[in-house]
Amino acid sequence: MKDLEHKGFIGSVEYDEESQTLYGQVKYITGLISYESADGTISGLMTAFKESVEDYLKDCKEMNLKPMQSAKGVFQVRLGADLHYLANIEAHKEGLTLNELVKNAVSHYLAEHNQNANA
C-alpha cells in the first residue's frame, strides 16, 4: 500500500492482523509520531495521520521549535571504497564536486524512472 502524505510529511500504512488495526507512523524523522484508524478504514487512518501531523506542527509552534520534515535535502550515502574512488575521479574530470555528481545522478535516475512510469 502507498504511503500517506500531508504537508511534506510521509506516513506509513500498517496492519496488525491480530488486533485487526490499521496504524502507522511518520517516516524519515527523528522522534515518533504515530496514529491509528479509529474506525478501521483507510479514510480513518488518513484522518488520524493528518491530525497527528497538525498536532505536531501546533506543538512545535507553541514551543517555538522548528518542525522536522520527512526530507531535509541532506542524506548520507555509503558507496564503498571502490565506487567512492571512481565517483571522485569522474567528478574531477567533469569539474564537479562529488555532491554535484551524486545529485545529477539521482536527478537523472528519477527523470528516467518517472518517464518510464508515465509511459
PDB file of N, CA and C in Angstrom:
ATOM      1  N   MET A   1       0.841  -1.179   0.000  1.00  0.00           N
ATOM      2  CA  MET A   1       0.000   0.000   0.000  1.00  0.00           C
ATOM      3  C   MET A   1       0.883   1.238   0.000  1.00  0.00           C
ATOM      4  N   LYS A   2       0.425   2.296  -0.640  1.00  0.00           N
ATOM      5  CA  LYS A   2       1.180   3.542  -0.709  1.00  0.00           C
ATOM      6  C   LYS A   2       1.269   4.204   0.650  1.00  0.00           C
ATOM      7  N   ASP A   3       2.285   5.045   0.775  1.00  0.00           N
ATOM      8  CA  ASP A   3       2.424   5.854   1.981  1.00  0.00           C
ATOM      9  C   ASP A   3       1.420   7.004   1.945  1.00  0.00           C
ATOM     10  N   LEU A   4       1.198   7.589   3.097  1.00  0.00           N
ATOM     11  CA  LEU A   4       0.352   8.766   3.211  1.00  0.00           C
ATOM     12  C   LEU A   4       1.229  10.010   3.141  1.00  0.00           C
ATOM     13  N   GLU A   5       0.693  11.114   2.645  1.00  0.00           N
ATOM     14  CA  GLU A   5       1.448  12.355   2.563  1.00  0.00           C
ATOM     15  C   GLU A   5       0.573  13.521   3.006  1.00  0.00           C
ATOM     16  N   HIS A   6       1.186  14.416   3.797  1.00  0.00           N
ATOM     17  CA  HIS A   6       0.484  15.623   4.255  1.00  0.00           C
ATOM     18  C   HIS A   6       1.522  16.659   4.660  1.00  0.00           C
ATOM     19  N   LYS A   7       1.480  17.822   4.021  1.00  0.00           N
ATOM     20  CA  LYS A   7       2.346  18.961   4.351  1.00  0.00           C
ATOM     21  C   LYS A   7       3.829  18.595   4.399  1.00  0.00           C
ATOM     22  N   GLY A   8       4.264  17.754   3.478  1.00  0.00           N
ATOM     23  CA  GLY A   8       5.670  17.374   3.411  1.00  0.00           C
ATOM     24  C   GLY A   8       6.049  16.215   4.314  1.00  0.00           C
ATOM     25  N   PHE A   9       5.103  15.685   5.046  1.00  0.00           N
ATOM     26  CA  PHE A   9       5.355  14.537   5.909  1.00  0.00           C
ATOM     27  C   PHE A   9       4.864  13.273   5.215  1.00  0.00           C
ATOM     28  N   ILE A  10       5.572  12.191   5.426  1.00  0.00           N
ATOM     29  CA  ILE A  10       5.234  10.903   4.822  1.00  0.00           C
ATOM     30  C   ILE A  10       4.929   9.928   5.952  1.00  0.00           C
ATOM     31  N   GLY A  11       3.793   9.256   5.838  1.00  0.00           N
ATOM     32  CA  GLY A  11       3.381   8.318   6.881  1.00  0.00           C
ATOM     33  C   GLY A  11       3.188   6.920   6.346  1.00  0.00           C
ATOM     34  N   SER A  12       3.479   5.940   7.163  1.00  0.00           N
ATOM     35  CA  SER A  12       3.331   4.540   6.767  1.00  0.00           C
ATOM     36  C   SER A  12       1.887   4.083   6.966  1.00  0.00           C
ATOM     37  N   VAL A  13       1.560   2.997   6.291  1.00  0.00           N
ATOM     38  CA  VAL A  13       0.268   2.327   6.457  1.00  0.00           C
ATOM     39  C   VAL A  13       0.588   0.895   6.872  1.00  0.00           C
ATOM     40  N   GLU A  14       0.205   0.530   8.080  1.00  0.00           N
ATOM     41  CA  GLU A  14       0.492  -0.799   8.619  1.00  0.00           C
ATOM     42  C   GLU A  14      -0.813  -1.452   9.066  1.00  0.00           C
ATOM     43  N   TYR A  15      -0.791  -2.774   9.101  1.00  0.00           N
ATOM     44  CA  TYR A  15      -1.976  -3.521   9.542  1.00  0.00           C
ATOM     45  C   TYR A  15      -1.542  -4.603  10.509  1.00  0.00           C
ATOM     46  N   ASP A  16      -2.182  -4.622  11.670  1.00  0.00           N
ATOM     47  CA  ASP A  16      -1.933  -5.677  12.647  1.00  0.00           C
ATOM     48  C   ASP A  16      -3.069  -6.683  12.540  1.00  0.00           C
ATOM     49  N   GLU A  17      -2.749  -7.874  12.038  1.00  0.00           N
ATOM     50  CA  GLU A  17      -3.780  -8.887  11.790  1.00  0.00           C
ATOM     51  C   GLU A  17      -4.444  -9.350  13.083  1.00  0.00           C
ATOM     52  N   GLU A  18      -3.649  -9.491  14.129  1.00  0.00           N
ATOM     53  CA  GLU A  18      -4.197  -9.993  15.393  1.00  0.00           C
ATOM     54  C   GLU A  18      -5.280  -9.073  15.953  1.00  0.00           C
ATOM     55  N   SER A  19      -4.986  -7.770  15.989  1.00  0.00           N
ATOM     56  CA  SER A  19      -5.966  -6.830  16.534  1.00  0.00           C
ATOM     57  C   SER A  19      -6.847  -6.214  15.449  1.00  0.00           C
ATOM     58  N   GLN A  20      -6.543  -6.538  14.203  1.00  0.00           N
ATOM     59  CA  GLN A  20      -7.252  -6.006  13.042  1.00  0.00           C
ATOM     60  C   GLN A  20      -7.299  -4.470  13.084  1.00  0.00           C
ATOM     61  N   THR A  21      -6.105  -3.902  13.297  1.00  0.00           N
ATOM     62  CA  THR A  21      -5.972  -2.468  13.436  1.00  0.00           C
ATOM     63  C   THR A  21      -5.103  -1.889  12.330  1.00  0.00           C
ATOM     64  N   LEU A  22      -5.544  -0.792  11.738  1.00  0.00           N
ATOM     65  CA  LEU A  22      -4.713  -0.016  10.814  1.00  0.00           C
ATOM     66  C   LEU A  22      -3.991   1.046  11.631  1.00  0.00           C
ATOM     67  N   TYR A  23      -2.687   1.170  11.433  1.00  0.00           N
ATOM     68  CA  TYR A  23      -1.903   2.143  12.177  1.00  0.00           C
ATOM     69  C   TYR A  23      -0.716   2.574  11.316  1.00  0.00           C
ATOM     70  N   GLY A  24       0.028   3.536  11.786  1.00  0.00           N
ATOM     71  CA  GLY A  24       1.221   3.972  11.072  1.00  0.00           C
ATOM     72  C   GLY A  24       2.017   4.954  11.885  1.00  0.00           C
ATOM     73  N   GLN A  25       3.128   5.394  11.281  1.00  0.00           N
ATOM     74  CA  GLN A  25       3.947   6.424  11.908  1.00  0.00           C
ATOM     75  C   GLN A  25       4.596   7.264  10.822  1.00  0.00           C
ATOM     76  N   VAL A  26       4.929   8.500  11.182  1.00  0.00           N
ATOM     77  CA  VAL A  26       5.590   9.396  10.247  1.00  0.00           C
ATOM     78  C   VAL A  26       6.998   8.871  10.019  1.00  0.00           C
ATOM     79  N   LYS A  27       7.370   8.778   8.742  1.00  0.00           N
ATOM     80  CA  LYS A  27       8.657   8.211   8.359  1.00  0.00           C
ATOM     81  C   LYS A  27       9.708   9.303   8.163  1.00  0.00           C
ATOM     82  N   TYR A  28      10.950   8.878   8.282  1.00  0.00           N
ATOM     83  CA  TYR A  28      12.115   9.702   7.952  1.00  0.00           C
ATOM     84  C   TYR A  28      12.306  10.910   8.860  1.00  0.00           C
ATOM     85  N   ILE A  29      11.869  10.821  10.096  1.00  0.00           N
ATOM     86  CA  ILE A  29      12.144  11.885  11.061  1.00  0.00           C
ATOM     87  C   ILE A  29      12.698  11.242  12.329  1.00  0.00           C
ATOM     88  N   THR A  30      13.369  12.067  13.139  1.00  0.00           N
ATOM     89  CA  THR A  30      13.807  11.618  14.451  1.00  0.00           C
ATOM     90  C   THR A  30      12.637  11.849  15.392  1.00  0.00           C
ATOM     91  N   GLY A  31      12.368  10.904  16.221  1.00  0.00           N
ATOM     92  CA  GLY A  31      11.213  11.024  17.100  1.00  0.00           C
ATOM     93  C   GLY A  31      10.089  10.137  16.588  1.00  0.00           C
ATOM     94  N   LEU A  32       8.992  10.139  17.284  1.00  0.00           N
ATOM     95  CA  LEU A  32       7.888   9.256  16.938  1.00  0.00           C
ATOM     96  C   LEU A  32       6.583  10.034  16.885  1.00  0.00           C
ATOM     97  N   ILE A  33       5.956   9.996  15.726  1.00  0.00           N
ATOM     98  CA  ILE A  33       4.594  10.484  15.561  1.00  0.00           C
ATOM     99  C   ILE A  33       3.819   9.303  15.013  1.00  0.00           C
ATOM    100  N   SER A  34       2.937   8.758  15.825  1.00  0.00           N
ATOM    101  CA  SER A  34       2.172   7.587  15.393  1.00  0.00           C
ATOM    102  C   SER A  34       0.689   7.923  15.368  1.00  0.00           C
ATOM    103  N   TYR A  35      -0.070   7.076  14.693  1.00  0.00           N
ATOM    104  CA  TYR A  35      -1.502   7.295  14.533  1.00  0.00           C
ATOM    105  C   TYR A  35      -2.169   5.948  14.279  1.00  0.00           C
ATOM    106  N   GLU A  36      -3.478   5.921  14.460  1.00  0.00           N
ATOM    107  CA  GLU A  36      -4.254   4.687  14.307  1.00  0.00           C
ATOM    108  C   GLU A  36      -5.647   5.052  13.806  1.00  0.00           C
ATOM    109  N   SER A  37      -6.192   4.222  12.958  1.00  0.00           N
ATOM    110  CA  SER A  37      -7.534   4.457  12.428  1.00  0.00           C
ATOM    111  C   SER A  37      -8.565   4.147  13.505  1.00  0.00           C
ATOM    112  N   ALA A  38      -9.394   5.131  13.820  1.00  0.00           N
ATOM    113  CA  ALA A  38     -10.429   4.946  14.844  1.00  0.00           C
ATOM    114  C   ALA A  38     -11.537   4.019  14.356  1.00  0.00           C
ATOM    115  N   ASP A  39     -11.822   4.058  13.052  1.00  0.00           N
ATOM    116  CA  ASP A  39     -12.924   3.253  12.527  1.00  0.00           C
ATOM    117  C   ASP A  39     -12.468   2.053  11.691  1.00  0.00           C
ATOM    118  N   GLY A  40     -11.147   1.840  11.627  1.00  0.00           N
ATOM    119  CA  GLY A  40     -10.627   0.677  10.905  1.00  0.00           C
ATOM    120  C   GLY A  40     -10.588   0.832   9.394  1.00  0.00           C
ATOM    121  N   THR A  41     -10.743   2.070   8.891  1.00  0.00           N
ATOM    122  CA  THR A  41     -10.727   2.292   7.446  1.00  0.00           C
ATOM    123  C   THR A  41      -9.486   3.087   7.043  1.00  0.00           C
ATOM    124  N   ILE A  42      -9.162   3.013   5.749  1.00  0.00           N
ATOM    125  CA  ILE A  42      -8.060   3.822   5.228  1.00  0.00           C
ATOM    126  C   ILE A  42      -8.391   5.307   5.386  1.00  0.00           C
ATOM    127  N   SER A  43      -9.630   5.668   5.147  1.00  0.00           N
ATOM    128  CA  SER A  43     -10.062   7.049   5.321  1.00  0.00           C
ATOM    129  C   SER A  43      -9.828   7.500   6.766  1.00  0.00           C
ATOM    130  N   GLY A  44     -10.162   6.642   7.706  1.00  0.00           N
ATOM    131  CA  GLY A  44      -9.943   6.945   9.122  1.00  0.00           C
ATOM    132  C   GLY A  44      -8.460   7.058   9.444  1.00  0.00           C
ATOM    133  N   LEU A  45      -7.634   6.221   8.798  1.00  0.00           N
ATOM    134  CA  LEU A  45      -6.190   6.288   9.012  1.00  0.00           C
ATOM    135  C   LEU A  45      -5.633   7.600   8.476  1.00  0.00           C
ATOM    136  N   MET A  46      -6.114   8.006   7.304  1.00  0.00           N
ATOM    137  CA  MET A  46      -5.663   9.262   6.715  1.00  0.00           C
ATOM    138  C   MET A  46      -6.049  10.440   7.611  1.00  0.00           C
ATOM    139  N   THR A  47      -7.234  10.416   8.139  1.00  0.00           N
ATOM    140  CA  THR A  47      -7.678  11.471   9.057  1.00  0.00           C
ATOM    141  C   THR A  47      -6.784  11.509  10.290  1.00  0.00           C
ATOM    142  N   ALA A  48      -6.511  10.350  10.870  1.00  0.00           N
ATOM    143  CA  ALA A  48      -5.660  10.278  12.061  1.00  0.00           C
ATOM    144  C   ALA A  48      -4.242  10.756  11.755  1.00  0.00           C
ATOM    145  N   PHE A  49      -3.720  10.397  10.574  1.00  0.00           N
ATOM    146  CA  PHE A  49      -2.392  10.842  10.156  1.00  0.00           C
ATOM    147  C   PHE A  49      -2.346  12.359  10.061  1.00  0.00           C
ATOM    148  N   LYS A  50      -3.310  12.953   9.364  1.00  0.00           N
ATOM    149  CA  LYS A  50      -3.344  14.404   9.207  1.00  0.00           C
ATOM    150  C   LYS A  50      -3.480  15.094  10.567  1.00  0.00           C
ATOM    151  N   GLU A  51      -4.322  14.573  11.440  1.00  0.00           N
ATOM    152  CA  GLU A  51      -4.496  15.159  12.775  1.00  0.00           C
ATOM    153  C   GLU A  51      -3.191  15.087  13.570  1.00  0.00           C
ATOM    154  N   SER A  52      -2.478  13.966  13.446  1.00  0.00           N
ATOM    155  CA  SER A  52      -1.206  13.818  14.165  1.00  0.00           C
ATOM    156  C   SER A  52      -0.173  14.823  13.664  1.00  0.00           C
ATOM    157  N   VAL A  53      -0.104  15.011  12.352  1.00  0.00           N
ATOM    158  CA  VAL A  53       0.825  15.994  11.788  1.00  0.00           C
ATOM    159  C   VAL A  53       0.437  17.397  12.239  1.00  0.00           C
ATOM    160  N   GLU A  54      -0.840  17.722  12.175  1.00  0.00           N
ATOM    161  CA  GLU A  54      -1.302  19.049  12.595  1.00  0.00           C
ATOM    162  C   GLU A  54      -1.017  19.291  14.072  1.00  0.00           C
ATOM    163  N   ASP A  55      -1.244  18.276  14.915  1.00  0.00           N
ATOM    164  CA  ASP A  55      -0.937  18.397  16.350  1.00  0.00           C
ATOM    165  C   ASP A  55       0.553  18.640  16.559  1.00  0.00           C
ATOM    166  N   TYR A  56       1.379  17.916  15.818  1.00  0.00           N
ATOM    167  CA  TYR A  56       2.832  18.069  15.911  1.00  0.00           C
ATOM    168  C   TYR A  56       3.233  19.493  15.524  1.00  0.00           C
ATOM    169  N   LEU A  57       2.700  19.995  14.417  1.00  0.00           N
ATOM    170  CA  LEU A  57       3.029  21.347  13.968  1.00  0.00           C
ATOM    171  C   LEU A  57       2.570  22.401  14.990  1.00  0.00           C
ATOM    172  N   LYS A  58       1.391  22.194  15.558  1.00  0.00           N
ATOM    173  CA  LYS A  58       0.873  23.108  16.580  1.00  0.00           C
ATOM    174  C   LYS A  58       1.773  23.096  17.817  1.00  0.00           C
ATOM    175  N   ASP A  59       2.161  21.889  18.263  1.00  0.00           N
ATOM    176  CA  ASP A  59       3.049  21.770  19.426  1.00  0.00           C
ATOM    177  C   ASP A  59       4.386  22.464  19.173  1.00  0.00           C
ATOM    178  N   CYS A  60       4.942  22.273  17.980  1.00  0.00           N
ATOM    179  CA  CYS A  60       6.212  22.916  17.641  1.00  0.00           C
ATOM    180  C   CYS A  60       6.087  24.436  17.690  1.00  0.00           C
ATOM    181  N   LYS A  61       4.991  24.943  17.150  1.00  0.00           N
ATOM    182  CA  LYS A  61       4.771  26.394  17.154  1.00  0.00           C
ATOM    183  C   LYS A  61       4.666  26.916  18.577  1.00  0.00           C
ATOM    184  N   GLU A  62       3.913  26.213  19.412  1.00  0.00           N
ATOM    185  CA  GLU A  62       3.728  26.638  20.802  1.00  0.00           C
ATOM    186  C   GLU A  62       5.037  26.609  21.581  1.00  0.00           C
ATOM    187  N   MET A  63       5.918  25.655  21.252  1.00  0.00           N
ATOM    188  CA  MET A  63       7.198  25.532  21.960  1.00  0.00           C
ATOM    189  C   MET A  63       8.329  26.263  21.242  1.00  0.00           C
ATOM    190  N   ASN A  64       7.976  26.999  20.169  1.00  0.00           N
ATOM    191  CA  ASN A  64       8.951  27.747  19.385  1.00  0.00           C
ATOM    192  C   ASN A  64      10.073  26.848  18.859  1.00  0.00           C
ATOM    193  N   LEU A  65       9.688  25.680  18.347  1.00  0.00           N
ATOM    194  CA  LEU A  65      10.630  24.730  17.766  1.00  0.00           C
ATOM    195  C   LEU A  65      10.393  24.621  16.271  1.00  0.00           C
ATOM    196  N   LYS A  66      11.462  24.380  15.532  1.00  0.00           N
ATOM    197  CA  LYS A  66      11.328  24.164  14.092  1.00  0.00           C
ATOM    198  C   LYS A  66      10.928  22.706  13.869  1.00  0.00           C
ATOM    199  N   PRO A  67       9.815  22.465  13.181  1.00  0.00           N
ATOM    200  CA  PRO A  67       9.383  21.081  12.938  1.00  0.00           C
ATOM    201  C   PRO A  67      10.379  20.340  12.051  1.00  0.00           C
ATOM    202  N   MET A  68      10.539  19.058  12.310  1.00  0.00           N
ATOM    203  CA  MET A  68      11.359  18.212  11.447  1.00  0.00           C
ATOM    204  C   MET A  68      10.499  17.792  10.268  1.00  0.00           C
ATOM    205  N   GLN A  69      11.081  17.755   9.090  1.00  0.00           N
ATOM    206  CA  GLN A  69      10.373  17.307   7.904  1.00  0.00           C
ATOM    207  C   GLN A  69      10.844  15.904   7.549  1.00  0.00           C
ATOM    208  N   SER A  70      10.055  15.222   6.742  1.00  0.00           N
ATOM    209  CA  SER A  70      10.410  13.875   6.323  1.00  0.00           C
ATOM    210  C   SER A  70      11.621  13.864   5.400  1.00  0.00           C
ATOM    211  N   ALA A  71      11.921  14.979   4.763  1.00  0.00           N
ATOM    212  CA  ALA A  71      13.090  15.086   3.905  1.00  0.00           C
ATOM    213  C   ALA A  71      13.693  16.474   4.065  1.00  0.00           C
ATOM    214  N   LYS A  72      14.943  16.535   4.491  1.00  0.00           N
ATOM    215  CA  LYS A  72      15.616  17.809   4.713  1.00  0.00           C
ATOM    216  C   LYS A  72      16.482  18.221   3.527  1.00  0.00           C
ATOM    217  N   GLY A  73      16.739  17.307   2.610  1.00  0.00           N
ATOM    218  CA  GLY A  73      17.609  17.616   1.490  1.00  0.00           C
ATOM    219  C   GLY A  73      19.036  17.159   1.698  1.00  0.00           C
ATOM    220  N   VAL A  74      19.293  16.510   2.819  1.00  0.00           N
ATOM    221  CA  VAL A  74      20.632  16.020   3.123  1.00  0.00           C
ATOM    222  C   VAL A  74      20.512  14.569   3.573  1.00  0.00           C
ATOM    223  N   PHE A  75      21.371  13.705   3.002  1.00  0.00           N
ATOM    224  CA  PHE A  75      21.422  12.326   3.459  1.00  0.00           C
ATOM    225  C   PHE A  75      22.817  11.771   3.228  1.00  0.00           C
ATOM    226  N   GLN A  76      23.142  10.708   3.903  1.00  0.00           N
ATOM    227  CA  GLN A  76      24.453  10.088   3.790  1.00  0.00           C
ATOM    228  C   GLN A  76      24.350   8.870   2.888  1.00  0.00           C
ATOM    229  N   VAL A  77      25.311   8.730   1.982  1.00  0.00           N
ATOM    230  CA  VAL A  77      25.332   7.600   1.060  1.00  0.00           C
ATOM    231  C   VAL A  77      26.593   6.790   1.315  1.00  0.00           C
ATOM    232  N   ARG A  78      26.461   5.486   1.460  1.00  0.00           N
ATOM    233  CA  ARG A  78      27.616   4.608   1.626  1.00  0.00           C
ATOM    234  C   ARG A  78      27.854   3.900   0.296  1.00  0.00           C
ATOM    235  N   LEU A  79      28.904   4.315  -0.404  1.00  0.00           N
ATOM    236  CA  LEU A  79      29.196   3.783  -1.724  1.00  0.00           C
ATOM    237  C   LEU A  79      30.148   2.599  -1.704  1.00  0.00           C
ATOM    238  N   GLY A  80      30.938   2.484  -0.690  1.00  0.00           N
ATOM    239  CA  GLY A  80      32.044   1.532  -0.698  1.00  0.00           C
ATOM    240  C   GLY A  80      33.265   2.240  -1.268  1.00  0.00           C
ATOM    241  N   ALA A  81      34.444   1.783  -0.897  1.00  0.00           N
ATOM    242  CA  ALA A  81      35.687   2.477  -1.251  1.00  0.00           C
ATOM    243  C   ALA A  81      35.909   2.562  -2.764  1.00  0.00           C
ATOM    244  N   ASP A  82      35.690   1.473  -3.495  1.00  0.00           N
ATOM    245  CA  ASP A  82      35.959   1.469  -4.937  1.00  0.00           C
ATOM    246  C   ASP A  82      35.040   2.428  -5.690  1.00  0.00           C
ATOM    247  N   LEU A  83      33.752   2.376  -5.410  1.00  0.00           N
ATOM    248  CA  LEU A  83      32.810   3.252  -6.091  1.00  0.00           C
ATOM    249  C   LEU A  83      33.042   4.713  -5.703  1.00  0.00           C
ATOM    250  N   HIS A  84      33.378   4.941  -4.443  1.00  0.00           N
ATOM    251  CA  HIS A  84      33.685   6.290  -3.975  1.00  0.00           C
ATOM    252  C   HIS A  84      34.877   6.856  -4.750  1.00  0.00           C
ATOM    253  N   TYR A  85      35.919   6.060  -4.892  1.00  0.00           N
ATOM    254  CA  TYR A  85      37.109   6.465  -5.633  1.00  0.00           C
ATOM    255  C   TYR A  85      36.761   6.809  -7.081  1.00  0.00           C
ATOM    256  N   LEU A  86      36.026   5.916  -7.750  1.00  0.00           N
ATOM    257  CA  LEU A  86      35.652   6.144  -9.153  1.00  0.00           C
ATOM    258  C   LEU A  86      34.760   7.378  -9.302  1.00  0.00           C
ATOM    259  N   ALA A  87      33.860   7.584  -8.362  1.00  0.00           N
ATOM    260  CA  ALA A  87      32.992   8.760  -8.406  1.00  0.00           C
ATOM    261  C   ALA A  87      33.805  10.041  -8.237  1.00  0.00           C
ATOM    262  N   ASN A  88      34.789  10.027  -7.339  1.00  0.00           N
ATOM    263  CA  ASN A  88      35.662  11.195  -7.167  1.00  0.00           C
ATOM    264  C   ASN A  88      36.422  11.504  -8.446  1.00  0.00           C
ATOM    265  N   ILE A  89      36.948  10.469  -9.100  1.00  0.00           N
ATOM    266  CA  ILE A  89      37.691  10.645 -10.354  1.00  0.00           C
ATOM    267  C   ILE A  89      36.775  11.261 -11.415  1.00  0.00           C
ATOM    268  N   GLU A  90      35.572  10.703 -11.562  1.00  0.00           N
ATOM    269  CA  GLU A  90      34.635  11.190 -12.575  1.00  0.00           C
ATOM    270  C   GLU A  90      34.198  12.628 -12.283  1.00  0.00           C
ATOM    271  N   ALA A  91      33.924  12.925 -11.029  1.00  0.00           N
ATOM    272  CA  ALA A  91      33.538  14.285 -10.651  1.00  0.00           C
ATOM    273  C   ALA A  91      34.659  15.266 -11.005  1.00  0.00           C
ATOM    274  N   HIS A  92      35.878  14.893 -10.703  1.00  0.00           N
ATOM    275  CA  HIS A  92      37.022  15.752 -11.013  1.00  0.00           C
ATOM    276  C   HIS A  92      37.136  15.984 -12.520  1.00  0.00           C
ATOM    277  N   LYS A  93      36.985  14.919 -13.311  1.00  0.00           N
ATOM    278  CA  LYS A  93      37.045  15.037 -14.779  1.00  0.00           C
ATOM    279  C   LYS A  93      35.975  15.997 -15.302  1.00  0.00           C
ATOM    280  N   GLU A  94      34.800  15.953 -14.689  1.00  0.00           N
ATOM    281  CA  GLU A  94      33.674  16.776 -15.136  1.00  0.00           C
ATOM    282  C   GLU A  94      33.687  18.184 -14.527  1.00  0.00           C
ATOM    283  N   GLY A  95      34.625  18.445 -13.627  1.00  0.00           N
ATOM    284  CA  GLY A  95      34.681  19.746 -12.978  1.00  0.00           C
ATOM    285  C   GLY A  95      33.560  19.942 -11.968  1.00  0.00           C
ATOM    286  N   LEU A  96      33.127  18.850 -11.368  1.00  0.00           N
ATOM    287  CA  LEU A  96      32.033  18.868 -10.398  1.00  0.00           C
ATOM    288  C   LEU A  96      32.538  18.478  -9.022  1.00  0.00           C
ATOM    289  N   THR A  97      31.774  18.855  -8.009  1.00  0.00           N
ATOM    290  CA  THR A  97      32.021  18.292  -6.683  1.00  0.00           C
ATOM    291  C   THR A  97      31.379  16.905  -6.656  1.00  0.00           C
ATOM    292  N   LEU A  98      31.781  16.096  -5.712  1.00  0.00           N
ATOM    293  CA  LEU A  98      31.167  14.772  -5.569  1.00  0.00           C
ATOM    294  C   LEU A  98      29.675  14.923  -5.284  1.00  0.00           C
ATOM    295  N   ASN A  99      29.310  15.913  -4.489  1.00  0.00           N
ATOM    296  CA  ASN A  99      27.903  16.168  -4.192  1.00  0.00           C
ATOM    297  C   ASN A  99      27.117  16.470  -5.472  1.00  0.00           C
ATOM    298  N   GLU A 100      27.681  17.309  -6.344  1.00  0.00           N
ATOM    299  CA  GLU A 100      27.010  17.644  -7.609  1.00  0.00           C
ATOM    300  C   GLU A 100      26.851  16.414  -8.497  1.00  0.00           C
ATOM    301  N   LEU A 101      27.883  15.576  -8.532  1.00  0.00           N
ATOM    302  CA  LEU A 101      27.813  14.350  -9.331  1.00  0.00           C
ATOM    303  C   LEU A 101      26.682  13.441  -8.839  1.00  0.00           C
ATOM    304  N   VAL A 102      26.607  13.249  -7.531  1.00  0.00           N
ATOM    305  CA  VAL A 102      25.566  12.388  -6.957  1.00  0.00           C
ATOM    306  C   VAL A 102      24.190  13.003  -7.181  1.00  0.00           C
ATOM    307  N   LYS A 103      24.066  14.301  -6.983  1.00  0.00           N
ATOM    308  CA  LYS A 103      22.793  14.985  -7.208  1.00  0.00           C
ATOM    309  C   LYS A 103      22.346  14.825  -8.658  1.00  0.00           C
ATOM    310  N   ASN A 104      23.271  15.004  -9.606  1.00  0.00           N
ATOM    311  CA  ASN A 104      22.952  14.820 -11.025  1.00  0.00           C
ATOM    312  C   ASN A 104      22.525  13.385 -11.319  1.00  0.00           C
ATOM    313  N   ALA A 105      23.224  12.426 -10.729  1.00  0.00           N
ATOM    314  CA  ALA A 105      22.904  11.018 -10.958  1.00  0.00           C
ATOM    315  C   ALA A 105      21.509  10.677 -10.426  1.00  0.00           C
ATOM    316  N   VAL A 106      21.176  11.170  -9.249  1.00  0.00           N
ATOM    317  CA  VAL A 106      19.851  10.914  -8.679  1.00  0.00           C
ATOM    318  C   VAL A 106      18.776  11.602  -9.518  1.00  0.00           C
ATOM    319  N   SER A 107      19.036  12.837  -9.939  1.00  0.00           N
ATOM    320  CA  SER A 107      18.071  13.549 -10.795  1.00  0.00           C
ATOM    321  C   SER A 107      17.841  12.797 -12.100  1.00  0.00           C
ATOM    322  N   HIS A 108      18.920  12.314 -12.697  1.00  0.00           N
ATOM    323  CA  HIS A 108      18.816  11.553 -13.953  1.00  0.00           C
ATOM    324  C   HIS A 108      18.011  10.266 -13.731  1.00  0.00           C
ATOM    325  N   TYR A 109      18.309   9.563 -12.655  1.00  0.00           N
ATOM    326  CA  TYR A 109      17.595   8.322 -12.347  1.00  0.00           C
ATOM    327  C   TYR A 109      16.098   8.597 -12.180  1.00  0.00           C
ATOM    328  N   LEU A 110      15.754   9.627 -11.412  1.00  0.00           N
ATOM    329  CA  LEU A 110      14.341   9.938 -11.175  1.00  0.00           C
ATOM    330  C   LEU A 110      13.634  10.378 -12.447  1.00  0.00           C
ATOM    331  N   ALA A 111      14.314  11.141 -13.284  1.00  0.00           N
ATOM    332  CA  ALA A 111      13.722  11.555 -14.563  1.00  0.00           C
ATOM    333  C   ALA A 111      13.428  10.335 -15.438  1.00  0.00           C
ATOM    334  N   GLU A 112      14.371   9.404 -15.484  1.00  0.00           N
ATOM    335  CA  GLU A 112      14.176   8.173 -16.262  1.00  0.00           C
ATOM    336  C   GLU A 112      13.045   7.339 -15.658  1.00  0.00           C
ATOM    337  N   HIS A 113      13.051   7.208 -14.354  1.00  0.00           N
ATOM    338  CA  HIS A 113      12.039   6.395 -13.665  1.00  0.00           C
ATOM    339  C   HIS A 113      10.650   6.979 -13.881  1.00  0.00           C
ATOM    340  N   ASN A 114      10.510   8.289 -13.722  1.00  0.00           N
ATOM    341  CA  ASN A 114       9.215   8.945 -13.905  1.00  0.00           C
ATOM    342  C   ASN A 114       8.754   8.879 -15.350  1.00  0.00           C
ATOM    343  N   GLN A 115       9.693   8.970 -16.282  1.00  0.00           N
ATOM    344  CA  GLN A 115       9.349   8.886 -17.701  1.00  0.00           C
ATOM    345  C   GLN A 115       8.814   7.487 -18.005  1.00  0.00           C
ATOM    346  N   ASN A 116       9.456   6.464 -17.459  1.00  0.00           N
ATOM    347  CA  ASN A 116       9.010   5.084 -17.683  1.00  0.00           C
ATOM    348  C   ASN A 116       7.675   4.823 -16.996  1.00  0.00           C
ATOM    349  N   ALA A 117       7.454   5.413 -15.841  1.00  0.00           N
ATOM    350  CA  ALA A 117       6.203   5.218 -15.099  1.00  0.00           C
ATOM    351  C   ALA A 117       5.037   5.864 -15.821  1.00  0.00           C
ATOM    352  N   ASN A 118       5.297   6.956 -16.536  1.00  0.00           N
ATOM    353  CA  ASN A 118       4.250   7.679 -17.243  1.00  0.00           C
ATOM    354  C   ASN A 118       4.021   7.163 -18.651  1.00  0.00           C
ATOM    355  N   ALA A 119       4.866   6.229 -19.107  1.00  0.00           N
ATOM    356  CA  ALA A 119       4.749   5.714 -20.477  1.00  0.00           C
ATOM    357  C   ALA A 119       3.662   4.670 -20.595  1.00  0.00           C
TER     358      ALA A 119
END
